[in-house]
């Protein structure tokens, strides 16, 4: 498991932490893996170590958390060597019974009580914008990864988890990731993602309204992208149903989204994105 813990700002604690992190970057046991997946993990550990050294006072925590998510995904992929089922976790999907505006008002959004559909919609509006921001963030990350020649299964897994399961974590099918990585090796370049972030930002309202009104979110994202290759090689791997379920429920029952509101989502009609 991986979790964020408090580190006292005292030299002896920092020395112990950085010593342990440095050891992880050179852990030779991973190299015994015939498929050399350990090299991906070691590379991510080295990146985290270098980032930590540059963020001595934890002033770039968001970047560090992103690296830790990628490390976690790579470490969990090691289960493939010992599990014929080749899938870690109990499930790859989250579900919801909520249909926006249909039936009784939801009583809560995450852990927060709501009065009616209007208030629920304001919570959803805020999180829908946050989710589109995540799409844009990961598009930018992949352009950087590919420009630097650093695209790995671990980074792919970290990005897919971040989008599909937002802040609550999730599960990823190993065979799907292996297939996706083969696609990356065959033809994914930074050029495919050079316009993705701008495309998604330009289509923000369409994507958000697909979420707000129960439309086809995957189709809305697909239509936003000018590069069909970037859709085929990355965006089709996103679990849109799980993402929308988490957005509607305000979490997964154990971890909850931040209870902030936004009343700027004006979706009078969804048009082609409505299923």
C-alpha atoms as a PDB file:
ATOM      1  CA  UNK A   1       0.000   0.000   0.000  1.00  0.00           C
ATOM      2  CA  UNK A   2       1.045   3.588  -0.429  1.00  0.00           C
ATOM      3  CA  UNK A   3      -0.057   6.554   1.636  1.00  0.00           C
ATOM      4  CA  UNK A   4       1.014  10.080   2.503  1.00  0.00           C
ATOM      5  CA  UNK A   5       2.504  10.368   5.994  1.00  0.00           C
ATOM      6  CA  UNK A   6       3.734  13.229   8.139  1.00  0.00           C
ATOM      7  CA  UNK A   7       7.510  13.714   8.216  1.00  0.00           C
ATOM      8  CA  UNK A   8       8.771  15.865  11.120  1.00  0.00           C
ATOM      9  CA  UNK A   9      10.966  18.716   9.905  1.00  0.00           C
ATOM     10  CA  UNK A  10      14.061  17.582  11.804  1.00  0.00           C
ATOM     11  CA  UNK A  11      17.445  16.546  10.330  1.00  0.00           C
ATOM     12  CA  UNK A  12      17.405  13.004  11.726  1.00  0.00           C
ATOM     13  CA  UNK A  13      14.024  12.257  10.147  1.00  0.00           C
ATOM     14  CA  UNK A  14      15.055  13.685   6.780  1.00  0.00           C
ATOM     15  CA  UNK A  15      18.308  11.725   6.881  1.00  0.00           C
ATOM     16  CA  UNK A  16      16.466   8.463   7.538  1.00  0.00           C
ATOM     17  CA  UNK A  17      13.856   9.155   4.858  1.00  0.00           C
ATOM     18  CA  UNK A  18      16.334  10.126   2.155  1.00  0.00           C
ATOM     19  CA  UNK A  19      18.563   7.190   3.054  1.00  0.00           C
ATOM     20  CA  UNK A  20      15.678   4.778   2.582  1.00  0.00           C
ATOM     21  CA  UNK A  21      14.634   6.450  -0.673  1.00  0.00           C
ATOM     22  CA  UNK A  22      18.186   6.300  -2.003  1.00  0.00           C
ATOM     23  CA  UNK A  23      18.320   2.590  -1.208  1.00  0.00           C
ATOM     24  CA  UNK A  24      15.090   2.015  -3.157  1.00  0.00           C
ATOM     25  CA  UNK A  25      16.644   3.567  -6.282  1.00  0.00           C
ATOM     26  CA  UNK A  26      19.326   0.873  -6.322  1.00  0.00           C
ATOM     27  CA  UNK A  27      17.368  -2.156  -5.148  1.00  0.00           C
ATOM     28  CA  UNK A  28      18.917  -4.944  -7.209  1.00  0.00           C
ATOM     29  CA  UNK A  29      16.298  -7.577  -6.399  1.00  0.00           C
ATOM     30  CA  UNK A  30      13.995  -6.059  -9.021  1.00  0.00           C
ATOM     31  CA  UNK A  31      16.544  -6.825 -11.743  1.00  0.00           C
ATOM     32  CA  UNK A  32      15.860 -10.552 -11.360  1.00  0.00           C
ATOM     33  CA  UNK A  33      12.589 -10.094 -13.207  1.00  0.00           C
ATOM     34  CA  UNK A  34      12.991 -11.641 -16.673  1.00  0.00           C
ATOM     35  CA  UNK A  35      10.793  -8.964 -18.248  1.00  0.00           C
ATOM     36  CA  UNK A  36      12.909  -6.238 -16.630  1.00  0.00           C
ATOM     37  CA  UNK A  37       9.832  -4.455 -15.270  1.00  0.00           C
ATOM     38  CA  UNK A  38      11.959  -3.629 -12.252  1.00  0.00           C
ATOM     39  CA  UNK A  39      13.857  -1.137 -14.387  1.00  0.00           C
ATOM     40  CA  UNK A  40      10.653   0.889 -14.741  1.00  0.00           C
ATOM     41  CA  UNK A  41      10.177   0.922 -10.984  1.00  0.00           C
ATOM     42  CA  UNK A  42      13.815   1.799 -10.309  1.00  0.00           C
ATOM     43  CA  UNK A  43      13.659   4.635 -12.829  1.00  0.00           C
ATOM     44  CA  UNK A  44      10.594   6.082 -11.124  1.00  0.00           C
ATOM     45  CA  UNK A  45      12.235   5.770  -7.703  1.00  0.00           C
ATOM     46  CA  UNK A  46      15.290   7.640  -8.983  1.00  0.00           C
ATOM     47  CA  UNK A  47      13.048  10.384 -10.343  1.00  0.00           C
ATOM     48  CA  UNK A  48      11.224  10.622  -7.009  1.00  0.00           C
ATOM     49  CA  UNK A  49      14.549  10.762  -5.160  1.00  0.00           C
ATOM     50  CA  UNK A  50      15.842  13.587  -7.358  1.00  0.00           C
ATOM     51  CA  UNK A  51      12.560  15.449  -6.994  1.00  0.00           C
ATOM     52  CA  UNK A  52      12.647  15.045  -3.223  1.00  0.00           C
ATOM     53  CA  UNK A  53      16.157  16.462  -3.082  1.00  0.00           C
ATOM     54  CA  UNK A  54      14.889  19.466  -5.027  1.00  0.00           C
ATOM     55  CA  UNK A  55      11.854  19.861  -2.752  1.00  0.00           C
ATOM     56  CA  UNK A  56      13.582  19.699   0.592  1.00  0.00           C
ATOM     57  CA  UNK A  57      10.742  21.485   2.359  1.00  0.00           C
ATOM     58  CA  UNK A  58       8.024  19.661   0.403  1.00  0.00           C
ATOM     59  CA  UNK A  59       7.177  22.786  -1.589  1.00  0.00           C
ATOM     60  CA  UNK A  60       6.324  20.742  -4.716  1.00  0.00           C
ATOM     61  CA  UNK A  61       4.143  18.119  -3.069  1.00  0.00           C
ATOM     62  CA  UNK A  62       1.779  17.738  -6.048  1.00  0.00           C
ATOM     63  CA  UNK A  63       4.653  16.694  -8.341  1.00  0.00           C
ATOM     64  CA  UNK A  64       5.922  14.256  -5.739  1.00  0.00           C
ATOM     65  CA  UNK A  65       2.451  12.738  -5.275  1.00  0.00           C
ATOM     66  CA  UNK A  66       2.215  12.224  -9.045  1.00  0.00           C
ATOM     67  CA  UNK A  67       5.528  10.346  -9.044  1.00  0.00           C
ATOM     68  CA  UNK A  68       4.449   8.228  -6.073  1.00  0.00           C
ATOM     69  CA  UNK A  69       1.260   7.267  -7.945  1.00  0.00           C
ATOM     70  CA  UNK A  70       3.366   6.111 -10.893  1.00  0.00           C
ATOM     71  CA  UNK A  71       5.679   4.166  -8.575  1.00  0.00           C
ATOM     72  CA  UNK A  72       2.704   2.465  -6.928  1.00  0.00           C
ATOM     73  CA  UNK A  73       1.298   1.431 -10.299  1.00  0.00           C
ATOM     74  CA  UNK A  74       4.616  -0.123 -11.344  1.00  0.00           C
ATOM     75  CA  UNK A  75       5.037  -1.961  -8.065  1.00  0.00           C
ATOM     76  CA  UNK A  76       1.543  -3.404  -8.320  1.00  0.00           C
ATOM     77  CA  UNK A  77       2.271  -4.611 -11.835  1.00  0.00           C
ATOM     78  CA  UNK A  78       4.852  -6.979 -10.312  1.00  0.00           C
ATOM     79  CA  UNK A  79       1.922  -9.190  -9.264  1.00  0.00           C
ATOM     80  CA  UNK A  80       1.703 -10.330 -12.879  1.00  0.00           C
ATOM     81  CA  UNK A  81       4.615 -12.732 -12.318  1.00  0.00           C
ATOM     82  CA  UNK A  82       2.722 -14.628  -9.643  1.00  0.00           C
ATOM     83  CA  UNK A  83      -0.946 -14.359 -10.512  1.00  0.00           C
ATOM     84  CA  UNK A  84      -2.360 -16.099 -13.573  1.00  0.00           C
ATOM     85  CA  UNK A  85      -5.407 -13.875 -13.393  1.00  0.00           C
ATOM     86  CA  UNK A  86      -3.090 -10.954 -14.181  1.00  0.00           C
ATOM     87  CA  UNK A  87      -5.378  -8.355 -12.621  1.00  0.00           C
ATOM     88  CA  UNK A  88      -4.718  -6.757  -9.266  1.00  0.00           C
ATOM     89  CA  UNK A  89      -7.523  -5.572  -7.041  1.00  0.00           C
ATOM     90  CA  UNK A  90     -11.018  -7.011  -6.775  1.00  0.00           C
ATOM     91  CA  UNK A  91     -12.670  -4.945  -9.480  1.00  0.00           C
ATOM     92  CA  UNK A  92     -11.908  -2.502 -12.263  1.00  0.00           C
ATOM     93  CA  UNK A  93     -15.167  -0.557 -12.105  1.00  0.00           C
ATOM     94  CA  UNK A  94     -17.229   1.683  -9.859  1.00  0.00           C
ATOM     95  CA  UNK A  95     -20.962   1.966 -10.431  1.00  0.00           C
ATOM     96  CA  UNK A  96     -23.751   4.340  -9.440  1.00  0.00           C
ATOM     97  CA  UNK A  97     -27.539   4.355  -9.560  1.00  0.00           C
ATOM     98  CA  UNK A  98     -27.675   8.141  -9.862  1.00  0.00           C
ATOM     99  CA  UNK A  99     -29.099   9.609 -13.079  1.00  0.00           C
ATOM    100  CA  UNK A 100     -28.872  13.412 -13.012  1.00  0.00           C
ATOM    101  CA  UNK A 101     -32.277  14.991 -12.378  1.00  0.00           C
ATOM    102  CA  UNK A 102     -34.127  11.665 -12.339  1.00  0.00           C
ATOM    103  CA  UNK A 103     -35.910  10.314  -9.254  1.00  0.00           C
ATOM    104  CA  UNK A 104     -35.553  11.463  -5.675  1.00  0.00           C
ATOM    105  CA  UNK A 105     -32.997  14.089  -4.747  1.00  0.00           C
ATOM    106  CA  UNK A 106     -29.665  12.603  -3.576  1.00  0.00           C
ATOM    107  CA  UNK A 107     -29.334  12.935   0.187  1.00  0.00           C
ATOM    108  CA  UNK A 108     -25.574  13.385   0.136  1.00  0.00           C
ATOM    109  CA  UNK A 109     -22.646  14.205  -2.107  1.00  0.00           C
ATOM    110  CA  UNK A 110     -19.816  12.168  -0.676  1.00  0.00           C
ATOM    111  CA  UNK A 111     -20.088  12.806   3.050  1.00  0.00           C
ATOM    112  CA  UNK A 112     -21.871  16.144   2.612  1.00  0.00           C
ATOM    113  CA  UNK A 113     -25.642  16.433   2.977  1.00  0.00           C
ATOM    114  CA  UNK A 114     -27.437  18.145   0.089  1.00  0.00           C
ATOM    115  CA  UNK A 115     -30.894  19.717   0.044  1.00  0.00           C
ATOM    116  CA  UNK A 116     -31.935  19.025  -3.550  1.00  0.00           C
ATOM    117  CA  UNK A 117     -30.806  18.344  -7.108  1.00  0.00           C
ATOM    118  CA  UNK A 118     -29.739  21.970  -7.547  1.00  0.00           C
ATOM    119  CA  UNK A 119     -27.257  21.778  -4.677  1.00  0.00           C
ATOM    120  CA  UNK A 120     -26.024  18.348  -5.829  1.00  0.00           C
ATOM    121  CA  UNK A 121     -25.469  19.834  -9.293  1.00  0.00           C
ATOM    122  CA  UNK A 122     -23.256  22.569  -7.871  1.00  0.00           C
ATOM    123  CA  UNK A 123     -21.039  19.987  -6.171  1.00  0.00           C
ATOM    124  CA  UNK A 124     -20.896  17.970  -9.396  1.00  0.00           C
ATOM    125  CA  UNK A 125     -20.089  21.082 -11.433  1.00  0.00           C
ATOM    126  CA  UNK A 126     -17.035  21.779  -9.295  1.00  0.00           C
ATOM    127  CA  UNK A 127     -15.757  18.207  -9.561  1.00  0.00           C
ATOM    128  CA  UNK A 128     -16.485  17.978 -13.301  1.00  0.00           C
ATOM    129  CA  UNK A 129     -14.216  20.980 -13.843  1.00  0.00           C
ATOM    130  CA  UNK A 130     -11.571  19.364 -11.635  1.00  0.00           C
ATOM    131  CA  UNK A 131     -11.801  16.178 -13.722  1.00  0.00           C
ATOM    132  CA  UNK A 132     -11.334  18.075 -16.982  1.00  0.00           C
ATOM    133  CA  UNK A 133      -8.315  19.735 -15.376  1.00  0.00           C
ATOM    134  CA  UNK A 134      -6.978  16.219 -14.710  1.00  0.00           C
ATOM    135  CA  UNK A 135      -7.465  15.292 -18.375  1.00  0.00           C
ATOM    136  CA  UNK A 136      -5.497  18.377 -19.377  1.00  0.00           C
ATOM    137  CA  UNK A 137      -2.783  17.693 -16.797  1.00  0.00           C
ATOM    138  CA  UNK A 138      -2.245  14.121 -17.992  1.00  0.00           C
ATOM    139  CA  UNK A 139      -2.200  15.216 -21.648  1.00  0.00           C
ATOM    140  CA  UNK A 140       0.590  17.647 -20.791  1.00  0.00           C
ATOM    141  CA  UNK A 141       2.404  14.976 -18.796  1.00  0.00           C
ATOM    142  CA  UNK A 142       2.417  12.586 -21.737  1.00  0.00           C
ATOM    143  CA  UNK A 143       3.840  15.185 -24.077  1.00  0.00           C
ATOM    144  CA  UNK A 144       6.657  15.719 -21.562  1.00  0.00           C
ATOM    145  CA  UNK A 145       7.190  11.978 -21.004  1.00  0.00           C
ATOM    146  CA  UNK A 146       7.429  11.278 -24.725  1.00  0.00           C
ATOM    147  CA  UNK A 147       9.672  14.260 -25.450  1.00  0.00           C
ATOM    148  CA  UNK A 148      12.032  13.011 -22.751  1.00  0.00           C
ATOM    149  CA  UNK A 149      11.876   9.414 -23.968  1.00  0.00           C
ATOM    150  CA  UNK A 150      10.537   8.380 -20.565  1.00  0.00           C
ATOM    151  CA  UNK A 151       7.201   6.742 -21.394  1.00  0.00           C
ATOM    152  CA  UNK A 152       6.863   3.590 -19.280  1.00  0.00           C
ATOM    153  CA  UNK A 153       4.108   1.219 -18.261  1.00  0.00           C
ATOM    154  CA  UNK A 154       4.261   2.741 -14.792  1.00  0.00           C
ATOM    155  CA  UNK A 155       3.659   6.267 -16.041  1.00  0.00           C
ATOM    156  CA  UNK A 156       0.853   5.048 -18.273  1.00  0.00           C
ATOM    157  CA  UNK A 157      -0.748   3.217 -15.340  1.00  0.00           C
ATOM    158  CA  UNK A 158      -0.406   6.264 -13.105  1.00  0.00           C
ATOM    159  CA  UNK A 159      -2.108   8.479 -15.675  1.00  0.00           C
ATOM    160  CA  UNK A 160      -4.949   6.025 -16.313  1.00  0.00           C
ATOM    161  CA  UNK A 161      -5.581   5.621 -12.563  1.00  0.00           C
ATOM    162  CA  UNK A 162      -5.528   9.389 -12.024  1.00  0.00           C
ATOM    163  CA  UNK A 163      -8.194   9.979 -14.691  1.00  0.00           C
ATOM    164  CA  UNK A 164     -10.350   6.872 -14.283  1.00  0.00           C
ATOM    165  CA  UNK A 165     -10.512   6.803 -10.511  1.00  0.00           C
ATOM    166  CA  UNK A 166      -9.740  10.458  -9.821  1.00  0.00           C
ATOM    167  CA  UNK A 167      -8.568  10.884  -6.203  1.00  0.00           C
ATOM    168  CA  UNK A 168      -9.946   7.639  -4.794  1.00  0.00           C
ATOM    169  CA  UNK A 169      -7.444   5.190  -6.340  1.00  0.00           C
ATOM    170  CA  UNK A 170      -8.419   2.179  -8.387  1.00  0.00           C
ATOM    171  CA  UNK A 171      -7.463  -0.953 -10.258  1.00  0.00           C
ATOM    172  CA  UNK A 172      -5.875  -1.566 -13.638  1.00  0.00           C
ATOM    173  CA  UNK A 173      -5.843  -4.645 -15.851  1.00  0.00           C
ATOM    174  CA  UNK A 174      -2.253  -5.730 -16.502  1.00  0.00           C
ATOM    175  CA  UNK A 175      -2.871  -7.256 -19.972  1.00  0.00           C
ATOM    176  CA  UNK A 176      -4.505  -4.015 -21.125  1.00  0.00           C
ATOM    177  CA  UNK A 177      -1.506  -2.009 -19.964  1.00  0.00           C
ATOM    178  CA  UNK A 178       0.942  -4.381 -21.639  1.00  0.00           C
ATOM    179  CA  UNK A 179      -0.988  -4.026 -24.898  1.00  0.00           C
ATOM    180  CA  UNK A 180      -1.073  -0.259 -24.514  1.00  0.00           C
ATOM    181  CA  UNK A 181       2.672  -0.110 -23.916  1.00  0.00           C
ATOM    182  CA  UNK A 182       3.231  -2.132 -27.086  1.00  0.00           C
ATOM    183  CA  UNK A 183       1.226   0.526 -28.913  1.00  0.00           C
ATOM    184  CA  UNK A 184       3.359   3.260 -27.391  1.00  0.00           C
ATOM    185  CA  UNK A 185       6.557   1.517 -28.455  1.00  0.00           C
ATOM    186  CA  UNK A 186       5.174   1.093 -31.961  1.00  0.00           C
ATOM    187  CA  UNK A 187       4.152   4.644 -32.691  1.00  0.00           C
ATOM    188  CA  UNK A 188       3.353   7.033 -29.834  1.00  0.00           C
ATOM    189  CA  UNK A 189       5.250  10.302 -30.103  1.00  0.00           C
ATOM    190  CA  UNK A 190       5.055  13.627 -28.311  1.00  0.00           C
ATOM    191  CA  UNK A 191       3.513  15.119 -31.457  1.00  0.00           C
ATOM    192  CA  UNK A 192       0.346  13.099 -30.861  1.00  0.00           C
ATOM    193  CA  UNK A 193      -0.188  14.932 -27.579  1.00  0.00           C
ATOM    194  CA  UNK A 194       1.076  18.365 -28.569  1.00  0.00           C
ATOM    195  CA  UNK A 195      -2.465  19.700 -29.107  1.00  0.00           C
ATOM    196  CA  UNK A 196      -4.385  17.389 -26.756  1.00  0.00           C
ATOM    197  CA  UNK A 197      -4.378  19.728 -23.744  1.00  0.00           C
ATOM    198  CA  UNK A 198      -5.576  22.675 -25.845  1.00  0.00           C
ATOM    199  CA  UNK A 199      -8.193  20.501 -27.573  1.00  0.00           C
ATOM    200  CA  UNK A 200      -9.615  19.356 -24.247  1.00  0.00           C
ATOM    201  CA  UNK A 201      -9.651  22.890 -22.834  1.00  0.00           C
ATOM    202  CA  UNK A 202     -11.489  24.125 -25.937  1.00  0.00           C
ATOM    203  CA  UNK A 203     -14.097  21.397 -25.442  1.00  0.00           C
ATOM    204  CA  UNK A 204     -14.362  21.869 -21.667  1.00  0.00           C
ATOM    205  CA  UNK A 205     -18.039  22.867 -21.786  1.00  0.00           C
ATOM    206  CA  UNK A 206     -18.993  19.899 -23.979  1.00  0.00           C
ATOM    207  CA  UNK A 207     -17.196  17.410 -21.731  1.00  0.00           C
ATOM    208  CA  UNK A 208     -18.608  18.952 -18.556  1.00  0.00           C
ATOM    209  CA  UNK A 209     -22.141  18.969 -19.943  1.00  0.00           C
ATOM    210  CA  UNK A 210     -21.783  15.318 -20.916  1.00  0.00           C
ATOM    211  CA  UNK A 211     -21.016  14.660 -17.242  1.00  0.00           C
ATOM    212  CA  UNK A 212     -23.713  16.961 -15.882  1.00  0.00           C
ATOM    213  CA  UNK A 213     -26.528  15.569 -18.019  1.00  0.00           C
ATOM    214  CA  UNK A 214     -25.623  11.895 -18.133  1.00  0.00           C
ATOM    215  CA  UNK A 215     -24.186  11.866 -21.644  1.00  0.00           C
ATOM    216  CA  UNK A 216     -21.444   9.866 -23.332  1.00  0.00           C
ATOM    217  CA  UNK A 217     -18.338  11.366 -21.729  1.00  0.00           C
ATOM    218  CA  UNK A 218     -15.935   9.176 -23.693  1.00  0.00           C
ATOM    219  CA  UNK A 219     -17.462  10.313 -26.964  1.00  0.00           C
ATOM    220  CA  UNK A 220     -17.240  13.950 -25.880  1.00  0.00           C
ATOM    221  CA  UNK A 221     -13.523  13.528 -25.163  1.00  0.00           C
ATOM    222  CA  UNK A 222     -12.974  11.674 -28.440  1.00  0.00           C
ATOM    223  CA  UNK A 223     -14.651  14.453 -30.425  1.00  0.00           C
ATOM    224  CA  UNK A 224     -12.484  17.040 -28.697  1.00  0.00           C
ATOM    225  CA  UNK A 225      -9.199  15.548 -29.865  1.00  0.00           C
ATOM    226  CA  UNK A 226      -7.764  16.542 -33.219  1.00  0.00           C
ATOM    227  CA  UNK A 227      -5.385  13.569 -33.184  1.00  0.00           C
ATOM    228  CA  UNK A 228      -7.123  10.237 -33.661  1.00  0.00           C
ATOM    229  CA  UNK A 229      -3.892   8.465 -32.740  1.00  0.00           C
ATOM    230  CA  UNK A 230      -3.772  10.007 -29.260  1.00  0.00           C
ATOM    231  CA  UNK A 231      -7.327   8.746 -28.685  1.00  0.00           C
ATOM    232  CA  UNK A 232      -6.526   5.231 -29.903  1.00  0.00           C
ATOM    233  CA  UNK A 233      -3.284   4.913 -27.936  1.00  0.00           C
ATOM    234  CA  UNK A 234      -4.277   6.476 -24.634  1.00  0.00           C
ATOM    235  CA  UNK A 235      -7.769   7.886 -24.154  1.00  0.00           C
ATOM    236  CA  UNK A 236      -9.611   4.657 -25.013  1.00  0.00           C
ATOM    237  CA  UNK A 237      -7.987   3.090 -21.918  1.00  0.00           C
ATOM    238  CA  UNK A 238      -9.760   5.473 -19.552  1.00  0.00           C
ATOM    239  CA  UNK A 239     -12.590   3.929 -17.527  1.00  0.00           C
ATOM    240  CA  UNK A 240     -15.125   6.698 -18.129  1.00  0.00           C
ATOM    241  CA  UNK A 241     -17.982   4.873 -16.399  1.00  0.00           C
ATOM    242  CA  UNK A 242     -15.993   4.574 -13.177  1.00  0.00           C
ATOM    243  CA  UNK A 243     -14.894   8.193 -13.392  1.00  0.00           C
ATOM    244  CA  UNK A 244     -18.468   9.428 -13.838  1.00  0.00           C
ATOM    245  CA  UNK A 245     -19.750   7.145 -11.059  1.00  0.00           C
ATOM    246  CA  UNK A 246     -17.203   8.575  -8.641  1.00  0.00           C
ATOM    247  CA  UNK A 247     -18.084  12.106  -9.738  1.00  0.00           C
ATOM    248  CA  UNK A 248     -21.820  11.451  -9.200  1.00  0.00           C
ATOM    249  CA  UNK A 249     -21.368   9.783  -5.809  1.00  0.00           C
ATOM    250  CA  UNK A 250     -18.754  12.239  -4.566  1.00  0.00           C
ATOM    251  CA  UNK A 251     -16.346   9.374  -3.818  1.00  0.00           C
ATOM    252  CA  UNK A 252     -16.245   5.607  -3.550  1.00  0.00           C
ATOM    253  CA  UNK A 253     -17.721   5.149  -0.079  1.00  0.00           C
ATOM    254  CA  UNK A 254     -14.315   5.226   1.625  1.00  0.00           C
ATOM    255  CA  UNK A 255     -12.530   8.179   0.051  1.00  0.00           C
ATOM    256  CA  UNK A 256     -14.477  11.343  -0.757  1.00  0.00           C
ATOM    257  CA  UNK A 257     -14.032  14.223  -3.149  1.00  0.00           C
ATOM    258  CA  UNK A 258     -13.531  17.726  -1.859  1.00  0.00           C
ATOM    259  CA  UNK A 259     -16.981  19.208  -1.030  1.00  0.00           C
ATOM    260  CA  UNK A 260     -16.729  22.476  -2.977  1.00  0.00           C
ATOM    261  CA  UNK A 261     -19.412  23.976  -5.203  1.00  0.00           C
ATOM    262  CA  UNK A 262     -19.538  25.776  -8.549  1.00  0.00           C
ATOM    263  CA  UNK A 263     -22.712  27.192 -10.129  1.00  0.00           C
ATOM    264  CA  UNK A 264     -21.189  28.034 -13.526  1.00  0.00           C
ATOM    265  CA  UNK A 265     -22.178  24.847 -15.397  1.00  0.00           C
ATOM    266  CA  UNK A 266     -25.010  25.938 -17.686  1.00  0.00           C
ATOM    267  CA  UNK A 267     -26.001  22.976 -19.836  1.00  0.00           C
ATOM    268  CA  UNK A 268     -29.289  23.725 -21.556  1.00  0.00           C
ATOM    269  CA  UNK A 269     -28.873  20.922 -24.068  1.00  0.00           C
ATOM    270  CA  UNK A 270     -26.401  18.133 -24.588  1.00  0.00           C
ATOM    271  CA  UNK A 271     -27.121  17.360 -28.230  1.00  0.00           C
ATOM    272  CA  UNK A 272     -24.919  14.693 -29.807  1.00  0.00           C
ATOM    273  CA  UNK A 273     -23.286  13.748 -26.504  1.00  0.00           C
ATOM    274  CA  UNK A 274     -26.539  12.563 -24.936  1.00  0.00           C
ATOM    275  CA  UNK A 275     -26.959   8.791 -25.105  1.00  0.00           C
END
